[in-house]
């Protein structure tokens, strides 16, 4: 059964996020190190939290894997990806691992 990893970057006072670096460099690292285990990726840039409400998140990355074993293998190869975080943000991301149901 497919599983997803969502990496969620919350907005906080003083938080920074370099969207260009994230899209062009960080996601390339994801593809290089974790890519053989990934089925698909989707990156969403936060624009708003509703009408006239600022975005609560800088970005959300959704990565889909065939199963838990593929996720585990990808996470085992993710060292360089995790080490790259300070190059584009100063926030600690939240993660959600879930079962894909639709």
N, C-alpha and C. Protein backbone atom coordinates (compact mmCIF):
# COMPACT_ATOMS: atom_id res chain seq x y z
N UNK A 1 0.83 -1.17 0.00
CA UNK A 1 0.00 0.00 0.00
C UNK A 1 0.89 1.25 0.00
N UNK A 2 0.59 2.23 -0.86
CA UNK A 2 1.41 3.44 -0.92
C UNK A 2 1.38 4.22 0.40
N UNK A 3 2.51 4.84 0.71
CA UNK A 3 2.61 5.72 1.87
C UNK A 3 3.20 7.05 1.41
N UNK A 4 2.89 8.09 2.17
CA UNK A 4 3.43 9.41 1.82
C UNK A 4 4.20 9.97 3.00
N UNK A 5 5.14 10.81 2.66
CA UNK A 5 5.88 11.61 3.62
C UNK A 5 5.59 13.06 3.27
N UNK A 6 5.01 13.78 4.21
CA UNK A 6 4.80 15.21 4.01
C UNK A 6 5.75 15.94 4.93
N UNK A 7 6.48 16.87 4.36
CA UNK A 7 7.41 17.71 5.11
C UNK A 7 6.82 19.11 5.08
N UNK A 8 6.49 19.62 6.26
CA UNK A 8 5.70 20.83 6.39
C UNK A 8 6.56 21.89 7.09
N UNK A 9 6.72 23.03 6.44
CA UNK A 9 7.58 24.10 6.94
C UNK A 9 6.71 25.24 7.48
N UNK A 10 6.47 25.30 8.81
CA UNK A 10 5.59 26.32 9.36
C UNK A 10 6.22 27.72 9.36
N UNK A 11 5.36 28.71 9.20
CA UNK A 11 5.78 30.11 9.33
C UNK A 11 5.79 30.45 10.82
N UNK A 12 6.82 31.13 11.27
CA UNK A 12 6.91 31.61 12.65
C UNK A 12 7.59 32.97 12.62
N UNK A 13 7.46 33.71 13.70
CA UNK A 13 8.13 35.01 13.77
C UNK A 13 9.61 34.84 13.50
N UNK A 14 10.12 35.60 12.54
CA UNK A 14 11.54 35.56 12.21
C UNK A 14 11.95 34.40 11.33
N UNK A 15 11.00 33.57 10.90
CA UNK A 15 11.39 32.43 10.06
C UNK A 15 11.69 32.89 8.64
N UNK A 16 12.61 32.17 8.02
CA UNK A 16 13.00 32.46 6.65
C UNK A 16 12.91 31.19 5.82
N UNK A 17 12.72 31.38 4.52
CA UNK A 17 12.62 30.24 3.61
C UNK A 17 12.96 30.72 2.21
N UNK A 18 13.99 30.13 1.60
CA UNK A 18 14.43 30.49 0.25
C UNK A 18 13.78 29.52 -0.75
N UNK A 19 12.66 29.96 -1.33
CA UNK A 19 11.91 29.09 -2.24
C UNK A 19 12.70 28.72 -3.49
N UNK A 20 13.49 29.64 -4.03
CA UNK A 20 14.29 29.34 -5.22
C UNK A 20 15.31 28.25 -4.92
N UNK A 21 16.01 28.37 -3.82
CA UNK A 21 16.99 27.35 -3.45
C UNK A 21 16.28 26.01 -3.23
N UNK A 22 15.15 26.05 -2.54
CA UNK A 22 14.41 24.82 -2.24
C UNK A 22 14.01 24.10 -3.53
N UNK A 23 13.44 24.85 -4.47
CA UNK A 23 12.96 24.24 -5.72
C UNK A 23 14.11 23.77 -6.60
N UNK A 24 15.18 24.56 -6.68
CA UNK A 24 16.23 24.28 -7.66
C UNK A 24 17.39 23.45 -7.13
N UNK A 25 17.67 23.52 -5.84
CA UNK A 25 18.81 22.79 -5.28
C UNK A 25 18.38 21.68 -4.33
N UNK A 26 17.55 22.03 -3.34
CA UNK A 26 17.18 21.02 -2.34
C UNK A 26 16.41 19.87 -2.96
N UNK A 27 15.44 20.17 -3.80
CA UNK A 27 14.66 19.08 -4.40
C UNK A 27 15.51 18.24 -5.37
N UNK A 28 16.56 18.82 -5.91
CA UNK A 28 17.51 18.03 -6.71
C UNK A 28 18.26 17.04 -5.83
N UNK A 29 18.58 17.46 -4.61
CA UNK A 29 19.22 16.54 -3.66
C UNK A 29 18.27 15.42 -3.27
N UNK A 30 17.00 15.76 -3.08
CA UNK A 30 16.00 14.74 -2.79
C UNK A 30 15.99 13.71 -3.91
N UNK A 31 15.95 14.18 -5.15
CA UNK A 31 15.91 13.27 -6.30
C UNK A 31 17.19 12.42 -6.38
N UNK A 32 18.32 13.04 -6.12
CA UNK A 32 19.60 12.33 -6.22
C UNK A 32 19.72 11.23 -5.18
N UNK A 33 19.38 11.53 -3.93
CA UNK A 33 19.64 10.59 -2.84
C UNK A 33 18.46 9.67 -2.53
N UNK A 34 17.24 10.18 -2.69
CA UNK A 34 16.06 9.41 -2.32
C UNK A 34 15.26 8.94 -3.54
N UNK A 35 15.56 9.53 -4.68
CA UNK A 35 14.79 9.33 -5.91
C UNK A 35 14.53 7.91 -6.34
N UNK A 36 15.49 6.99 -6.22
CA UNK A 36 15.22 5.63 -6.66
C UNK A 36 14.05 4.96 -5.92
N UNK A 37 13.67 5.51 -4.78
CA UNK A 37 12.62 4.91 -3.96
C UNK A 37 11.29 5.67 -4.05
N UNK A 38 11.29 6.80 -4.75
CA UNK A 38 10.13 7.69 -4.79
C UNK A 38 9.26 7.40 -6.00
N UNK A 39 7.93 7.40 -5.79
CA UNK A 39 6.98 7.30 -6.90
C UNK A 39 6.66 8.67 -7.47
N UNK A 40 6.42 9.64 -6.59
CA UNK A 40 6.10 10.99 -7.06
C UNK A 40 6.38 12.01 -5.97
N UNK A 41 6.51 13.27 -6.40
CA UNK A 41 6.69 14.38 -5.47
C UNK A 41 5.79 15.54 -5.89
N UNK A 42 5.39 16.31 -4.91
CA UNK A 42 4.61 17.51 -5.14
C UNK A 42 5.05 18.53 -4.11
N UNK A 43 5.41 19.73 -4.56
CA UNK A 43 5.79 20.80 -3.65
C UNK A 43 4.79 21.92 -3.80
N UNK A 44 4.26 22.38 -2.66
CA UNK A 44 3.29 23.45 -2.64
C UNK A 44 3.88 24.62 -1.87
N UNK A 45 3.91 25.80 -2.51
CA UNK A 45 4.36 27.04 -1.87
C UNK A 45 3.16 27.69 -1.19
N UNK A 46 3.31 28.00 0.09
CA UNK A 46 2.22 28.63 0.82
C UNK A 46 1.95 30.04 0.34
N UNK A 47 0.69 30.33 0.01
CA UNK A 47 0.28 31.67 -0.42
C UNK A 47 -0.67 32.32 0.59
N UNK A 48 -1.59 31.53 1.14
CA UNK A 48 -2.58 32.06 2.08
C UNK A 48 -3.14 30.92 2.91
N UNK A 49 -3.72 31.29 4.06
CA UNK A 49 -4.38 30.32 4.91
C UNK A 49 -5.89 30.42 4.81
N UNK A 50 -6.36 31.17 3.84
CA UNK A 50 -7.78 31.42 3.61
C UNK A 50 -7.94 32.84 3.11
N UNK A 51 -9.15 33.26 2.85
CA UNK A 51 -9.36 34.64 2.39
C UNK A 51 -8.84 35.64 3.44
N UNK A 52 -7.96 36.50 3.00
CA UNK A 52 -7.39 37.54 3.86
C UNK A 52 -6.65 37.00 5.08
N UNK A 53 -6.13 35.78 4.99
CA UNK A 53 -5.37 35.17 6.07
C UNK A 53 -3.98 34.81 5.53
N UNK A 54 -2.92 35.27 6.18
CA UNK A 54 -1.58 34.91 5.69
C UNK A 54 -1.32 33.41 5.77
N UNK A 55 -0.44 32.94 4.93
CA UNK A 55 -0.08 31.52 4.92
C UNK A 55 0.52 31.12 6.26
N UNK A 56 0.13 29.96 6.74
CA UNK A 56 0.70 29.42 7.97
C UNK A 56 1.92 28.56 7.72
N UNK A 57 2.18 28.30 6.42
CA UNK A 57 3.29 27.43 6.05
C UNK A 57 4.04 28.04 4.88
N UNK A 58 5.37 27.96 4.94
CA UNK A 58 6.19 28.39 3.81
C UNK A 58 5.98 27.45 2.63
N UNK A 59 5.97 26.15 2.92
CA UNK A 59 5.85 25.13 1.87
C UNK A 59 5.48 23.79 2.50
N UNK A 60 4.93 22.93 1.65
CA UNK A 60 4.65 21.55 2.02
C UNK A 60 5.15 20.67 0.87
N UNK A 61 5.99 19.72 1.19
CA UNK A 61 6.45 18.75 0.20
C UNK A 61 5.75 17.42 0.49
N UNK A 62 5.15 16.85 -0.54
CA UNK A 62 4.51 15.55 -0.42
C UNK A 62 5.26 14.57 -1.31
N UNK A 63 5.76 13.52 -0.71
CA UNK A 63 6.54 12.52 -1.43
C UNK A 63 5.83 11.18 -1.25
N UNK A 64 5.55 10.50 -2.35
CA UNK A 64 4.81 9.24 -2.29
C UNK A 64 5.75 8.07 -2.61
N UNK A 65 5.59 7.01 -1.84
CA UNK A 65 6.39 5.79 -1.98
C UNK A 65 5.46 4.60 -2.20
N UNK A 66 5.96 3.57 -2.84
CA UNK A 66 5.15 2.37 -3.11
C UNK A 66 4.68 1.70 -1.83
N UNK A 67 5.53 1.72 -0.80
CA UNK A 67 5.20 1.04 0.45
C UNK A 67 6.15 1.50 1.55
N UNK A 68 5.97 0.96 2.75
CA UNK A 68 6.80 1.35 3.89
C UNK A 68 8.26 1.00 3.68
N UNK A 69 8.52 -0.10 2.99
CA UNK A 69 9.91 -0.49 2.74
C UNK A 69 10.62 0.54 1.87
N UNK A 70 9.94 1.05 0.85
CA UNK A 70 10.53 2.08 -0.01
C UNK A 70 10.77 3.36 0.78
N UNK A 71 9.83 3.72 1.64
CA UNK A 71 10.01 4.89 2.51
C UNK A 71 11.22 4.70 3.40
N UNK A 72 11.33 3.53 4.00
CA UNK A 72 12.46 3.24 4.88
C UNK A 72 13.79 3.33 4.15
N UNK A 73 13.84 2.81 2.94
CA UNK A 73 15.07 2.88 2.15
C UNK A 73 15.41 4.32 1.81
N UNK A 74 14.40 5.11 1.46
CA UNK A 74 14.63 6.52 1.13
C UNK A 74 15.13 7.28 2.35
N UNK A 75 14.52 7.02 3.50
CA UNK A 75 14.95 7.71 4.71
C UNK A 75 16.38 7.32 5.09
N UNK A 76 16.76 6.09 4.79
CA UNK A 76 18.13 5.66 5.04
C UNK A 76 19.15 6.39 4.18
N UNK A 77 18.70 6.91 3.06
CA UNK A 77 19.60 7.62 2.14
C UNK A 77 19.47 9.14 2.26
N UNK A 78 18.70 9.62 3.23
CA UNK A 78 18.33 11.03 3.31
C UNK A 78 19.31 11.91 4.07
N UNK A 79 20.42 11.38 4.52
CA UNK A 79 21.38 12.18 5.30
C UNK A 79 21.76 13.50 4.64
N UNK A 80 22.22 13.48 3.38
CA UNK A 80 22.59 14.74 2.73
C UNK A 80 21.41 15.69 2.55
N UNK A 81 20.22 15.15 2.40
CA UNK A 81 19.02 15.97 2.25
C UNK A 81 18.75 16.70 3.56
N UNK A 82 18.80 15.99 4.67
CA UNK A 82 18.56 16.60 5.98
C UNK A 82 19.64 17.62 6.32
N UNK A 83 20.88 17.33 5.95
CA UNK A 83 21.98 18.25 6.24
C UNK A 83 21.85 19.56 5.47
N UNK A 84 21.07 19.56 4.40
CA UNK A 84 20.91 20.75 3.55
C UNK A 84 19.90 21.76 4.12
N UNK A 85 19.10 21.38 5.10
CA UNK A 85 18.04 22.25 5.62
C UNK A 85 18.52 23.66 5.96
N UNK A 86 19.63 23.85 6.68
CA UNK A 86 20.04 25.21 7.03
C UNK A 86 20.38 26.10 5.83
N UNK A 87 20.53 25.50 4.66
CA UNK A 87 20.85 26.29 3.47
C UNK A 87 19.65 27.04 2.90
N UNK A 88 18.42 26.71 3.34
CA UNK A 88 17.25 27.40 2.80
C UNK A 88 16.23 27.84 3.84
N UNK A 89 16.35 27.37 5.08
CA UNK A 89 15.38 27.78 6.10
C UNK A 89 16.00 27.73 7.49
N UNK A 90 15.38 28.49 8.39
CA UNK A 90 15.80 28.45 9.79
C UNK A 90 14.71 27.84 10.67
N UNK A 91 13.72 27.20 10.08
CA UNK A 91 12.66 26.55 10.86
C UNK A 91 12.85 25.03 10.85
N UNK A 92 12.39 24.41 11.91
CA UNK A 92 12.39 22.96 12.00
C UNK A 92 11.11 22.45 11.34
N UNK A 93 11.21 21.66 10.27
CA UNK A 93 9.99 21.19 9.62
C UNK A 93 9.27 20.13 10.46
N UNK A 94 7.97 20.05 10.26
CA UNK A 94 7.17 18.95 10.80
C UNK A 94 7.07 17.88 9.73
N UNK A 95 6.91 16.64 10.15
CA UNK A 95 6.74 15.56 9.19
C UNK A 95 5.48 14.78 9.52
N UNK A 96 4.85 14.30 8.47
CA UNK A 96 3.67 13.43 8.60
C UNK A 96 3.87 12.26 7.65
N UNK A 97 3.92 11.06 8.19
CA UNK A 97 3.96 9.85 7.37
C UNK A 97 2.55 9.29 7.40
N UNK A 98 2.01 9.03 6.22
CA UNK A 98 0.63 8.58 6.16
C UNK A 98 0.39 7.51 5.12
N UNK A 99 -0.73 6.86 5.26
CA UNK A 99 -1.20 5.87 4.29
C UNK A 99 -1.99 6.61 3.21
N UNK A 100 -1.64 6.39 1.97
CA UNK A 100 -2.35 7.03 0.86
C UNK A 100 -3.66 6.31 0.66
N UNK A 101 -4.77 7.04 0.79
CA UNK A 101 -6.09 6.41 0.68
C UNK A 101 -6.89 6.94 -0.51
N UNK A 102 -6.34 7.86 -1.24
CA UNK A 102 -7.09 8.37 -2.38
C UNK A 102 -6.24 9.15 -3.33
